[in-house]
Amino acid sequence: MLVLAVDPFPVSGVKNYHCMEDAEMIGDRIEVNMAGGLDIALPRMVHVRQKFQTKKLDSVTRTVVEQFKRPEVRAKVKPGMSIAVGCGSRGINNIAECAKAVVGELKALGAKPFIFPAMGSHGGATAEGQREVLESYGITEAFCGVSGQVEHGGRGAGQAR
C-alpha cells in the first residue's frame, strides 16, 4: 500500500483530487510515543493502491535468449569478462529460470558469469543467509551452472572479488 502526500498547490495551479474523492483521509496528526514527542502537522495523505499492467511471457528462457540476440546487448559482453548476475529477493516469478538463462547466454558469449545476491538485509545480510534465500528460489550453483561462484555482495563499492 502506498501513502501519497497530496500537494494542495501543485505547480500547474490546478488541484487534481478526482481520483481520491471517495478516499478516506488520514488525520492531520498521528500520536507518536517518542521521548520529547513529535508535534508536527502532517501533509494531507490518502491510502492508494497501485496496480501495474502485467504481461505474461510464454517462455522466460526464450525471452532472455531473444534479448541476448540484440546487437547492443551482445556488444557489451566480451570473452573472458567476469559478469555478476544480480538475483534479488523481491518475488519475481520464474527468477531461477531467468538467472539460468542469463548465465547460459553470457557463457555462450564467452563471459564468466557468477550469481550475485542483489538484496540488502534479506537473509540477515550475511553471505550464508543470502545464499539460503537464493536457494529457496531455486537459484543454486548447480541449477545455474556456475559451480562455486555464488558470491556475496557484502563488499565495499569498487572492491574486486
Foldseek 3Di string as FASTA:
>chain_A
DDKDFADCQDPVRDGDCVVPPPFDKDDQDDWDPDVVTDDDGDGIITDDDDDDDDDDDPDLLVVLVVVCVDPVNLVVQAAAAEAEDEDEQDDDPPSQVNLLSNLVSSVVSRYQYAYEHPYDCQLNLDLVRSQVSCVVVVNDCVSSVNPPGYDYPPDDPPDDD
